Amino acid sequence: MTNNNTLETEKKPVHLQLKDASQFIKTTGAQLPEIDQASALLTNQSEKPAEIIEGVLHAGTKAVLASGSKVGKTWTLLDLAIAVATGTPFLKFKTQKAKVLFINFEIRREFIADRLKIIQQQKNQPDLGNLDIWNLRGQTADFEELTKSIIQSAGKQNYKLIILDPIYKAMVGKSENAASSVGVMANQIEHIVEATGAAVIFAHHYTKGNAAKKNQIDRMSGSGVFARDADSIITLTEHEQKGCFSVEMTLRNLAPQSPFVVEWKYPVMVERPDLSPGDLKSGEPAEDEYEPLVSLLDESPLTTTEWFVAASEIGYSRAQFFRDKGVLVEKKVVKINENKYWSRELVETRETSITTES
């Protein structure tokens, strides 16, 4: 027998009452802005944040500077810090003079001071009153807690640019290949941006292999979240001319910038307008194109399923994964043990037995 009361209840439409909504719509654990009507959004446009680097980076946005190892990312970011702090050009771009916080995760305090002094003298900028250096080498085990400290300290100083060098130091105990881990880190940087209104730029490194064979945003090591999350991507890729690098940019909020070439002229990069940015260094062994897949095994051996999941997080399709895995097995680059775990096949040679600094 049908219950009329039940039917009556089921037929009652559910209405969302938003008439009394104030500035924010309340949700569990968060407050969301109201929905904008398009015409009102266009009529009442907010003023855009200032361009800290003209044509490249707004305040309140995120950027990444990426390159191969030992290219000079820290030197370049110190050059950027001094440029913004003094309102002088960075590479070939104008900057807006503003307060800068350089957070040094990697280099000892004495040596970062040396580098700062050398660049200061090279640029002839004696007044660095707008630049603060926070030396946190060995203090990055808990980036979530560190984020709170950065926000608390930065909020008192009205910084317009915050530099994190390098970002992998903020991922202690986490894998940069895992989209979930990189996503958490990206959200923490987002908190810094939203709480301070500053632009945040961090240094990241390329994956191993021939960068010239990859699209610009695919050259970075680890999860694709590194590239997808940033508003401005700046890459320095080895040019065929020794000591030179092609600078390419992917910009979310600004007009495209044409690639150009810079040369490392200790202690800074200088533009080389006579060189073509398309002439990238090549000639590395073809096997290097498989290095991103192999490097997933470096932290610990993985089962086939675990390896595929990690590979999919950095952009591999199922077909590409199994095709490349087959090549690696055939070339004896990887091996599987009796417990069905894959690892890199290390072949002892004269070259691999000698330790050298990259």
Protein backbone atom coordinates (compact mmCIF):
# COMPACT_ATOMS: atom_id res chain seq x y z
CA MET A 1 0.00 0.00 0.00
CA THR A 2 1.32 3.41 -0.99
CA ASN A 3 2.01 5.97 1.71
CA ASN A 4 0.55 9.31 0.52
CA ASN A 5 2.61 11.28 3.00
CA THR A 6 5.78 9.74 1.60
CA LEU A 7 4.77 10.53 -1.96
CA GLU A 8 3.89 14.08 -1.00
CA THR A 9 7.28 14.55 0.62
CA GLU A 10 9.09 13.10 -2.39
CA LYS A 11 7.32 15.47 -4.79
CA LYS A 12 8.23 18.61 -2.89
CA PRO A 13 10.92 20.48 -4.82
CA VAL A 14 14.05 21.54 -2.99
CA HIS A 15 14.85 25.25 -3.33
CA LEU A 16 18.23 26.80 -2.56
CA GLN A 17 17.62 30.06 -0.70
CA LEU A 18 20.40 32.47 -1.75
CA LYS A 19 18.49 35.75 -1.31
CA ASP A 20 20.20 36.50 1.97
CA ALA A 21 23.69 35.48 0.84
CA SER A 22 26.26 38.11 1.72
CA GLN A 23 29.70 38.47 0.20
CA PHE A 24 30.45 34.77 0.52
CA ILE A 25 28.47 31.56 0.08
CA LYS A 26 29.15 29.34 3.09
CA THR A 27 30.25 25.76 2.45
CA THR A 28 31.64 23.15 4.75
CA GLY A 29 35.05 24.33 5.92
CA ALA A 30 35.32 27.12 3.34
CA GLN A 31 33.84 30.40 2.15
CA LEU A 32 33.39 30.84 -1.57
CA PRO A 33 32.88 34.14 -3.44
CA GLU A 34 29.47 34.77 -4.98
CA ILE A 35 28.91 33.87 -8.62
CA ASP A 36 29.56 36.81 -10.95
CA GLN A 37 27.08 37.73 -13.66
CA ALA A 38 29.13 38.32 -16.82
CA SER A 39 27.81 41.83 -17.59
CA ALA A 40 28.40 42.98 -14.01
CA LEU A 41 31.87 41.44 -14.08
CA LEU A 42 32.74 43.43 -17.22
CA THR A 43 31.21 46.63 -15.85
CA ASN A 44 32.89 46.47 -12.46
CA GLN A 45 36.28 45.15 -13.44
CA SER A 46 38.86 45.05 -10.69
CA GLU A 47 42.18 46.79 -11.26
CA LYS A 48 44.85 44.36 -12.40
CA PRO A 49 47.80 43.83 -10.06
CA ALA A 50 51.04 45.57 -10.92
CA GLU A 51 53.50 43.91 -13.28
CA ILE A 52 56.55 43.18 -11.14
CA ILE A 53 58.45 42.13 -14.28
CA GLU A 54 56.95 44.06 -17.19
CA GLY A 55 55.24 41.71 -19.62
CA VAL A 56 56.21 38.62 -17.61
CA LEU A 57 54.90 38.53 -14.03
CA HIS A 58 52.09 40.21 -12.07
CA ALA A 59 52.00 40.64 -8.31
CA GLY A 60 49.74 38.01 -6.76
CA THR A 61 50.64 35.30 -9.29
CA LYS A 62 52.95 32.29 -9.41
CA ALA A 63 55.96 31.60 -11.60
CA VAL A 64 58.62 28.95 -12.10
CA LEU A 65 62.16 29.37 -13.41
CA ALA A 66 63.36 26.02 -14.73
CA SER A 67 66.56 24.79 -16.35
CA GLY A 68 69.04 21.94 -16.32
CA SER A 69 71.34 21.33 -13.38
CA LYS A 70 74.22 23.72 -12.65
CA VAL A 71 73.00 26.32 -15.15
CA GLY A 72 72.91 29.13 -12.60
CA LYS A 73 69.31 29.34 -11.40
CA THR A 74 70.28 30.74 -7.99
CA TRP A 75 72.53 33.37 -9.57
CA THR A 76 69.71 34.30 -11.95
CA LEU A 77 67.12 34.54 -9.17
CA LEU A 78 69.47 36.69 -7.07
CA ASP A 79 69.88 38.90 -10.14
CA LEU A 80 66.07 39.10 -10.33
CA ALA A 81 65.81 39.91 -6.62
CA ILE A 82 68.26 42.80 -6.89
CA ALA A 83 66.61 44.06 -10.10
CA VAL A 84 63.15 44.29 -8.52
CA ALA A 85 64.50 45.64 -5.22
CA THR A 86 66.21 48.48 -7.10
CA GLY A 87 63.73 48.91 -9.98
CA THR A 88 66.39 48.09 -12.60
CA PRO A 89 66.06 45.77 -15.64
CA PHE A 90 66.11 41.99 -15.34
CA LEU A 91 67.53 40.40 -18.50
CA LYS A 92 65.79 42.66 -21.06
CA PHE A 93 62.65 43.46 -19.05
CA LYS A 94 61.80 46.49 -16.96
CA THR A 95 60.83 45.88 -13.33
CA GLN A 96 58.75 47.76 -10.79
CA LYS A 97 60.74 48.73 -7.70
CA ALA A 98 59.35 46.82 -4.72
CA LYS A 99 60.26 44.92 -1.57
CA VAL A 100 61.61 41.43 -2.19
CA LEU A 101 62.05 38.39 0.06
CA PHE A 102 64.56 35.78 -1.14
CA ILE A 103 64.10 32.50 0.73
CA ASN A 104 67.30 30.46 0.47
CA PHE A 105 66.75 26.78 1.16
CA GLU A 106 70.01 25.41 -0.21
CA ILE A 107 73.17 27.53 0.09
CA ARG A 108 75.08 28.31 3.27
CA ARG A 109 74.61 31.84 4.58
CA GLU A 110 78.27 32.77 3.98
CA PHE A 111 78.14 31.76 0.32
CA ILE A 112 74.80 33.39 -0.46
CA ALA A 113 76.29 36.59 0.98
CA ASP A 114 79.28 36.23 -1.37
CA ARG A 115 77.02 35.81 -4.40
CA LEU A 116 74.86 38.74 -3.38
CA LYS A 117 77.89 41.01 -3.03
CA ILE A 118 79.32 39.95 -6.41
CA ILE A 119 76.05 40.65 -8.26
CA GLN A 120 75.52 43.90 -6.35
CA GLN A 121 78.93 45.14 -7.49
CA GLN A 122 78.37 43.94 -11.06
CA LYS A 123 75.06 45.80 -11.26
CA ASN A 124 76.44 48.83 -9.37
CA GLN A 125 73.52 48.93 -6.94
CA PRO A 126 74.82 49.87 -3.48
CA ASP A 127 71.38 50.32 -1.87
CA LEU A 128 69.67 46.96 -1.25
CA GLY A 129 67.30 48.25 1.42
CA ASN A 130 64.32 46.65 -0.37
CA LEU A 131 65.83 43.16 -0.36
CA ASP A 132 65.62 40.68 2.53
CA ILE A 133 67.30 37.26 2.56
CA TRP A 134 65.85 34.47 4.72
CA ASN A 135 68.40 31.67 5.07
CA LEU A 136 66.51 28.43 5.82
CA ARG A 137 68.96 25.75 4.79
CA GLY A 138 68.01 22.63 6.77
CA GLN A 139 64.63 24.06 7.89
CA THR A 140 62.26 22.68 5.23
CA ALA A 141 61.07 19.37 6.71
CA ASP A 142 57.52 20.66 7.19
CA PHE A 143 56.64 23.07 4.39
CA GLU A 144 53.07 23.48 5.64
CA GLU A 145 54.31 24.93 8.93
CA LEU A 146 56.94 26.94 7.11
CA THR A 147 54.20 28.39 4.88
CA LYS A 148 52.47 29.79 7.96
CA SER A 149 55.72 31.40 9.10
CA ILE A 150 56.34 32.88 5.65
CA ILE A 151 52.83 34.39 5.60
CA GLN A 152 53.23 35.77 9.13
CA SER A 153 56.63 37.32 8.40
CA ALA A 154 55.85 38.51 4.87
CA GLY A 155 52.59 40.12 5.89
CA LYS A 156 54.44 42.61 8.09
CA GLN A 157 56.81 43.74 5.32
CA ASN A 158 54.55 44.26 2.26
CA TYR A 159 56.73 42.17 -0.05
CA LYS A 160 55.69 42.23 -3.71
CA LEU A 161 58.00 39.41 -4.78
CA ILE A 162 58.89 36.24 -2.84
CA ILE A 163 61.50 33.88 -4.28
CA LEU A 164 61.76 30.23 -3.17
CA ASP A 165 65.09 28.63 -4.12
CA PRO A 166 64.91 25.72 -4.87
CA ILE A 167 61.43 24.19 -4.66
CA TYR A 168 62.54 20.56 -4.23
CA LYS A 169 63.77 21.48 -0.75
CA ALA A 170 60.13 22.15 0.16
CA MET A 171 59.24 18.55 -0.72
CA VAL A 172 61.31 16.66 1.86
CA GLY A 173 59.80 13.19 2.26
CA LYS A 174 57.49 13.64 -0.73
CA SER A 175 57.84 12.63 -4.36
CA GLU A 176 58.00 15.32 -7.00
CA ASN A 177 56.67 12.71 -9.44
CA ALA A 178 53.38 12.36 -7.55
CA ALA A 179 50.66 14.78 -8.66
CA SER A 180 49.09 14.61 -5.20
CA SER A 181 52.30 15.69 -3.43
CA VAL A 182 53.05 18.47 -5.91
CA GLY A 183 49.41 19.58 -5.73
CA VAL A 184 49.65 20.00 -1.96
CA MET A 185 52.84 22.02 -2.35
CA ALA A 186 51.21 24.15 -5.07
CA ASN A 187 48.27 24.88 -2.76
CA GLN A 188 50.65 25.96 -0.01
CA ILE A 189 52.32 28.39 -2.41
CA GLU A 190 48.83 29.58 -3.37
CA HIS A 191 48.19 30.36 0.30
CA ILE A 192 51.33 32.52 0.36
CA VAL A 193 50.23 34.36 -2.79
CA GLU A 194 46.67 34.99 -1.59
CA ALA A 195 47.67 35.97 1.96
CA THR A 196 50.46 38.38 0.96
CA GLY A 197 49.46 39.63 -2.50
CA ALA A 198 53.05 39.02 -3.59
CA ALA A 199 54.22 37.24 -6.70
CA VAL A 200 55.95 33.96 -5.84
CA ILE A 201 58.60 32.48 -8.13
CA PHE A 202 60.47 29.25 -7.45
CA ALA A 203 63.38 27.42 -9.05
CA HIS A 204 62.90 23.94 -10.47
CA HIS A 205 65.09 21.60 -12.51
CA TYR A 206 64.75 19.74 -15.81
CA THR A 207 64.37 16.01 -16.07
CA LYS A 208 67.37 14.14 -17.43
CA GLY A 209 67.65 13.65 -21.17
CA ASN A 210 67.77 15.83 -24.25
CA ALA A 211 65.65 18.91 -23.50
CA ALA A 212 65.73 19.97 -27.15
CA LYS A 213 63.47 17.03 -28.03
CA LYS A 214 60.70 18.10 -25.65
CA ASN A 215 58.13 20.87 -25.61
CA GLN A 216 59.07 23.72 -23.30
CA ILE A 217 56.62 22.93 -20.48
CA ASP A 218 57.48 19.20 -20.64
CA ARG A 219 61.15 19.72 -19.79
CA MET A 220 60.58 20.06 -16.05
CA SER A 221 61.21 17.08 -13.81
CA GLY A 222 58.39 15.36 -11.95
CA SER A 223 54.65 15.80 -12.10
CA GLY A 224 53.03 17.93 -14.78
CA VAL A 225 51.41 19.92 -11.95
CA PHE A 226 54.62 21.99 -11.76
CA ALA A 227 53.89 23.39 -15.23
CA ARG A 228 50.09 23.43 -15.12
CA ASP A 229 49.89 25.36 -11.85
CA ALA A 230 52.25 28.25 -12.67
CA ASP A 231 50.98 31.50 -14.20
CA SER A 232 54.36 32.27 -15.75
CA ILE A 233 56.84 29.62 -16.88
CA ILE A 234 60.38 30.73 -17.69
CA THR A 235 62.83 28.15 -18.99
CA LEU A 236 66.54 28.28 -19.79
CA THR A 237 67.57 25.54 -22.23
CA GLU A 238 71.11 24.90 -23.43
CA HIS A 239 71.90 26.55 -26.76
CA GLU A 240 74.27 25.04 -29.30
CA GLN A 241 76.58 27.98 -28.56
CA LYS A 242 78.56 27.05 -25.45
CA GLY A 243 77.59 29.01 -22.35
CA CYS A 244 74.38 30.27 -23.93
CA PHE A 245 70.73 29.44 -23.18
CA SER A 246 67.45 29.92 -24.99
CA VAL A 247 64.87 31.66 -22.83
CA GLU A 248 61.26 30.66 -23.48
CA MET A 249 58.14 31.78 -21.65
CA THR A 250 54.60 30.50 -21.31
CA LEU A 251 52.42 33.23 -19.82
CA ARG A 252 48.84 32.69 -18.63
CA ASN A 253 47.84 36.32 -18.06
CA LEU A 254 50.05 38.28 -20.43
CA ALA A 255 50.78 38.46 -24.15
CA PRO A 256 53.31 35.91 -25.47
CA GLN A 257 56.98 36.83 -25.34
CA SER A 258 59.27 35.82 -28.18
CA PRO A 259 62.09 33.43 -27.22
CA PHE A 260 65.56 34.94 -26.99
CA VAL A 261 69.09 33.87 -26.09
CA VAL A 262 71.20 34.79 -23.08
CA GLU A 263 74.84 34.10 -22.30
CA TRP A 264 76.31 33.37 -18.89
CA LYS A 265 78.67 36.25 -18.22
CA TYR A 266 79.66 35.64 -14.61
CA PRO A 267 77.86 36.57 -12.41
CA VAL A 268 74.74 37.30 -14.53
CA MET A 269 73.00 36.32 -17.76
CA VAL A 270 73.15 38.86 -20.61
CA GLU A 271 71.11 38.91 -23.82
CA ARG A 272 72.65 37.65 -27.08
CA PRO A 273 70.37 39.09 -29.80
CA ASP A 274 72.74 37.79 -32.51
CA LEU A 275 71.86 34.15 -31.74
CA SER A 276 68.76 32.23 -32.78
CA PRO A 277 66.78 30.75 -29.84
CA GLY A 278 65.77 27.79 -31.99
CA ASP A 279 69.34 26.45 -32.15
CA LEU A 280 69.18 24.27 -29.06
CA LYS A 281 71.95 21.91 -28.04
CA SER A 282 71.32 18.36 -29.23
CA GLY A 283 73.21 15.17 -29.84
CA GLU A 284 72.59 13.39 -26.53
CA PRO A 285 72.06 9.62 -26.72
CA ALA A 286 68.60 8.59 -27.89
CA GLU A 287 68.19 6.46 -24.74
CA ASP A 288 67.84 9.66 -22.70
CA GLU A 289 64.28 10.12 -23.93
CA TYR A 290 63.34 7.19 -21.66
CA GLU A 291 65.03 8.67 -18.59
CA PRO A 292 61.83 10.27 -17.16
CA LEU A 293 60.26 6.82 -17.02
CA VAL A 294 63.35 5.14 -15.58
CA SER A 295 63.88 7.86 -12.96
CA LEU A 296 60.55 6.93 -11.35
CA LEU A 297 62.33 3.83 -10.04
CA ASP A 298 65.14 5.75 -8.34
CA GLU A 299 63.38 6.41 -5.02
CA SER A 300 62.32 2.78 -4.56
CA PRO A 301 61.52 -0.31 -6.67
CA LEU A 302 57.94 -0.43 -7.98
CA THR A 303 55.52 -3.08 -9.17
CA THR A 304 54.27 -2.75 -12.73
CA THR A 305 51.02 -1.21 -11.48
CA GLU A 306 52.80 1.24 -9.17
CA TRP A 307 55.20 2.18 -11.97
CA PHE A 308 52.34 2.80 -14.40
CA VAL A 309 50.42 4.94 -11.88
CA ALA A 310 53.54 7.07 -11.27
CA ALA A 311 54.14 7.36 -15.03
CA SER A 312 50.54 8.40 -15.71
CA GLU A 313 50.98 11.26 -13.23
CA ILE A 314 53.75 12.73 -15.39
CA GLY A 315 51.79 12.37 -18.63
CA TYR A 316 52.34 8.82 -19.90
CA SER A 317 49.42 7.07 -21.56
CA ARG A 318 48.94 3.35 -20.95
CA ALA A 319 50.11 2.54 -24.47
CA GLN A 320 53.22 4.72 -24.24
CA PHE A 321 54.13 3.31 -20.83
CA PHE A 322 54.06 -0.33 -21.93
CA ARG A 323 55.76 0.47 -25.25
CA ASP A 324 58.62 2.33 -23.53
CA LYS A 325 58.85 -0.27 -20.75
CA GLY A 326 59.35 -2.92 -23.42
CA VAL A 327 62.20 -0.91 -24.96
CA LEU A 328 63.84 -0.50 -21.54
CA VAL A 329 63.61 -4.23 -20.86
CA GLU A 330 65.06 -5.02 -24.28
CA LYS A 331 67.95 -2.62 -23.73
CA LYS A 332 68.46 -4.04 -20.22
CA VAL A 333 68.03 -0.62 -18.64
CA VAL A 334 65.55 -1.98 -16.06
CA LYS A 335 65.12 -5.34 -14.34
CA ILE A 336 62.43 -7.11 -12.34
CA ASN A 337 63.21 -9.17 -9.21
CA GLU A 338 61.65 -12.35 -7.87
CA ASN A 339 59.05 -10.30 -5.96
CA LYS A 340 57.87 -8.60 -9.17
CA TYR A 341 59.43 -5.21 -8.36
CA TRP A 342 61.13 -3.17 -11.08
CA SER A 343 64.38 -1.25 -10.56
CA ARG A 344 67.07 0.39 -12.66
CA GLU A 345 69.70 -2.02 -14.00
CA LEU A 346 73.03 -0.62 -12.82
CA VAL A 347 75.96 -1.80 -14.93
CA GLU A 348 79.35 -1.23 -13.32
CA THR A 349 81.71 0.48 -15.74
CA ARG A 350 84.82 2.57 -15.41
CA GLU A 351 82.67 5.70 -15.86
CA THR A 352 79.96 4.80 -13.36
CA SER A 353 82.46 3.78 -10.69
CA ILE A 354 83.99 7.28 -10.62
CA THR A 355 82.08 9.80 -8.54
CA THR A 356 81.84 13.26 -10.06
CA GLU A 357 79.79 16.28 -9.09
CA SER A 358 77.02 17.13 -11.57
